[in-house]
């Protein structure tokens, strides 16, 4: 199975979950965390027409109890979700990663390094939220298209402007 991953990176409370909720239609909170409207899969419209079936996790991988075995466990969990759905060819994911090493689970860059090193994982694009210049520079070193926003409601933009900027960056409508 080949995985294509779009990544939202930022520190805790940067707005990763909010942004993913707006991009995928998974809004609000439940009693035990983030609400998924019954599914972790969404059909995302593409800017050139058509739809992209997308698995998303609003909770950063380092904060998710199902991926607590660092990048190895997170990738195993994601692959199981696709196999369970019968999706075994190209699989598309929108993931949140914390920039820093939260709770001893590794930095987002450690996750990216592991994913890229697998050979069957392609990181399509990165958005950083509220990242320091050195973190943005580090993201750019991957040679992957990267959009840096000051936060999820980027300084001069409305929330809708920030969502639109991310959609354009990802090639989504």
Protein backbone atom coordinates (compact mmCIF):
# COMPACT_ATOMS: atom_id res chain seq x y z
CA UNK A 1 0.00 0.00 0.00
CA UNK A 2 1.27 3.44 -0.92
CA UNK A 3 0.45 6.30 1.46
CA UNK A 4 0.15 9.94 0.44
CA UNK A 5 0.24 12.29 3.41
CA UNK A 6 -0.63 15.97 3.81
CA UNK A 7 0.67 17.40 7.10
CA UNK A 8 -0.41 20.23 9.40
CA UNK A 9 2.40 20.97 11.91
CA UNK A 10 2.34 23.24 14.95
CA UNK A 11 2.74 23.37 18.69
CA UNK A 12 -0.02 22.51 21.13
CA UNK A 13 -3.02 24.86 20.75
CA UNK A 14 -1.75 26.21 17.40
CA UNK A 15 -5.05 25.34 15.71
CA UNK A 16 -4.13 22.08 13.91
CA UNK A 17 -7.38 20.34 14.90
CA UNK A 18 -9.51 23.37 14.08
CA UNK A 19 -7.97 23.68 10.64
CA UNK A 20 -8.36 19.95 9.87
CA UNK A 21 -11.97 20.12 11.08
CA UNK A 22 -12.70 22.93 8.62
CA UNK A 23 -10.89 21.20 5.75
CA UNK A 24 -12.73 17.89 6.22
CA UNK A 25 -16.09 18.86 7.75
CA UNK A 26 -15.25 17.23 11.09
CA UNK A 27 -16.35 19.94 13.51
CA UNK A 28 -16.81 20.19 17.25
CA UNK A 29 -15.92 18.11 20.26
CA UNK A 30 -17.47 15.08 21.87
CA UNK A 31 -17.36 14.18 25.57
CA UNK A 32 -14.14 12.23 25.07
CA UNK A 33 -12.31 14.44 22.59
CA UNK A 34 -12.64 15.38 18.95
CA UNK A 35 -15.83 14.67 17.07
CA UNK A 36 -15.49 12.76 13.82
CA UNK A 37 -19.10 12.88 12.57
CA UNK A 38 -19.17 9.09 12.47
CA UNK A 39 -16.16 8.54 10.23
CA UNK A 40 -12.46 9.29 9.90
CA UNK A 41 -12.80 9.39 6.10
CA UNK A 42 -13.92 12.37 4.02
CA UNK A 43 -14.37 13.07 0.33
CA UNK A 44 -12.43 16.26 -0.34
CA UNK A 45 -13.12 18.20 -3.57
CA UNK A 46 -10.06 18.85 -5.75
CA UNK A 47 -9.37 22.20 -7.41
CA UNK A 48 -9.21 20.56 -10.85
CA UNK A 49 -12.47 18.68 -10.29
CA UNK A 50 -13.21 15.31 -8.76
CA UNK A 51 -12.93 14.04 -5.21
CA UNK A 52 -10.16 12.64 -3.03
CA UNK A 53 -11.03 10.01 -0.39
CA UNK A 54 -9.05 11.11 2.64
CA UNK A 55 -8.40 9.67 6.09
CA UNK A 56 -7.81 12.37 8.68
CA UNK A 57 -6.85 12.57 12.32
CA UNK A 58 -7.50 15.88 14.02
CA UNK A 59 -5.50 14.95 17.10
CA UNK A 60 -1.72 15.23 16.62
CA UNK A 61 -0.13 11.80 16.25
CA UNK A 62 2.01 12.41 19.35
CA UNK A 63 -1.15 13.15 21.36
CA UNK A 64 -3.17 10.18 20.09
CA UNK A 65 -3.30 7.19 22.43
CA UNK A 66 -3.57 4.83 19.43
CA UNK A 67 -0.25 6.00 18.03
CA UNK A 68 1.76 6.15 21.24
CA UNK A 69 4.46 3.85 19.92
CA UNK A 70 6.02 6.85 18.22
CA UNK A 71 6.15 6.98 14.39
CA UNK A 72 6.18 3.18 14.00
CA UNK A 73 2.94 2.76 15.97
CA UNK A 74 1.30 5.73 14.29
CA UNK A 75 2.02 4.41 10.80
CA UNK A 76 0.84 0.91 11.78
CA UNK A 77 -2.43 2.39 13.09
CA UNK A 78 -3.00 4.38 9.89
CA UNK A 79 -2.35 1.37 7.66
CA UNK A 80 -4.81 -0.74 9.69
CA UNK A 81 -7.51 1.91 9.17
CA UNK A 82 -7.10 1.63 5.39
CA UNK A 83 -7.04 -2.16 5.36
CA UNK A 84 -10.19 -2.23 7.49
CA UNK A 85 -11.90 -0.02 4.85
CA UNK A 86 -10.61 -2.26 2.03
CA UNK A 87 -8.48 0.56 0.62
CA UNK A 88 -5.20 -1.04 -0.36
CA UNK A 89 -3.85 0.90 -3.35
CA UNK A 90 -3.18 4.61 -2.94
CA UNK A 91 -4.27 5.83 0.47
CA UNK A 92 -4.54 9.51 1.33
CA UNK A 93 -4.08 10.98 4.82
CA UNK A 94 -4.32 14.40 6.42
CA UNK A 95 -2.38 14.33 9.68
CA UNK A 96 -1.53 16.71 12.50
CA UNK A 97 1.96 16.67 14.01
CA UNK A 98 3.34 18.63 16.94
CA UNK A 99 6.54 20.44 16.09
CA UNK A 100 8.15 19.72 19.44
CA UNK A 101 8.73 16.48 21.33
CA UNK A 102 5.52 16.45 23.34
CA UNK A 103 5.25 13.82 26.10
CA UNK A 104 8.37 12.02 24.90
CA UNK A 105 6.71 10.98 21.64
CA UNK A 106 9.18 12.65 19.28
CA UNK A 107 9.01 15.81 17.22
CA UNK A 108 6.99 16.14 14.05
CA UNK A 109 10.26 16.08 12.14
CA UNK A 110 11.12 12.67 13.60
CA UNK A 111 7.77 11.43 12.29
CA UNK A 112 8.41 12.94 8.85
CA UNK A 113 11.88 11.37 8.73
CA UNK A 114 10.44 7.95 9.59
CA UNK A 115 7.54 8.23 7.11
CA UNK A 116 9.78 9.35 4.25
CA UNK A 117 12.29 6.58 5.04
CA UNK A 118 9.63 3.90 4.51
CA UNK A 119 9.79 4.18 0.72
CA UNK A 120 6.03 3.74 0.24
CA UNK A 121 5.04 6.99 1.97
CA UNK A 122 4.99 10.28 0.08
CA UNK A 123 4.55 13.52 1.98
CA UNK A 124 2.61 15.65 -0.48
CA UNK A 125 2.63 19.00 1.32
CA UNK A 126 3.24 20.63 4.70
CA UNK A 127 1.52 23.53 6.46
CA UNK A 128 3.18 24.98 9.54
CA UNK A 129 1.13 26.93 12.08
CA UNK A 130 2.85 29.42 14.35
CA UNK A 131 6.25 27.86 13.67
CA UNK A 132 9.53 29.59 14.41
CA UNK A 133 11.61 30.52 11.36
CA UNK A 134 14.07 27.71 12.14
CA UNK A 135 11.21 25.16 12.08
CA UNK A 136 9.89 26.52 8.77
CA UNK A 137 13.43 26.30 7.36
CA UNK A 138 13.69 22.71 8.57
CA UNK A 139 10.38 21.85 6.87
CA UNK A 140 11.61 23.44 3.64
CA UNK A 141 14.75 21.27 3.71
CA UNK A 142 12.59 18.24 2.83
CA UNK A 143 11.97 19.74 -0.61
CA UNK A 144 8.24 19.36 -0.02
CA UNK A 145 5.89 22.28 -0.77
CA UNK A 146 5.47 24.15 2.54
CA UNK A 147 3.08 26.92 3.55
CA UNK A 148 3.88 28.84 6.75
CA UNK A 149 0.99 30.51 8.57
CA UNK A 150 1.54 32.57 11.72
CA UNK A 151 -1.38 30.60 13.24
CA UNK A 152 -4.62 29.03 12.06
CA UNK A 153 -6.10 32.50 11.71
CA UNK A 154 -3.00 34.00 10.12
CA UNK A 155 -2.43 37.60 11.30
CA UNK A 156 -4.04 39.56 8.47
CA UNK A 157 -6.41 36.82 7.32
CA UNK A 158 -9.80 35.71 8.48
CA UNK A 159 -10.25 32.04 9.35
CA UNK A 160 -11.88 31.58 5.94
CA UNK A 161 -8.87 33.21 4.26
CA UNK A 162 -6.51 30.83 6.07
CA UNK A 163 -8.62 27.80 5.14
CA UNK A 164 -8.69 28.96 1.51
CA UNK A 165 -4.90 29.44 1.51
CA UNK A 166 -4.37 25.89 2.81
CA UNK A 167 -6.84 24.44 0.29
CA UNK A 168 -5.01 26.21 -2.56
CA UNK A 169 -1.66 25.01 -1.21
CA UNK A 170 -2.92 21.40 -1.07
CA UNK A 171 -4.63 21.64 -4.49
CA UNK A 172 -8.07 21.17 -2.95
CA UNK A 173 -11.21 23.15 -3.78
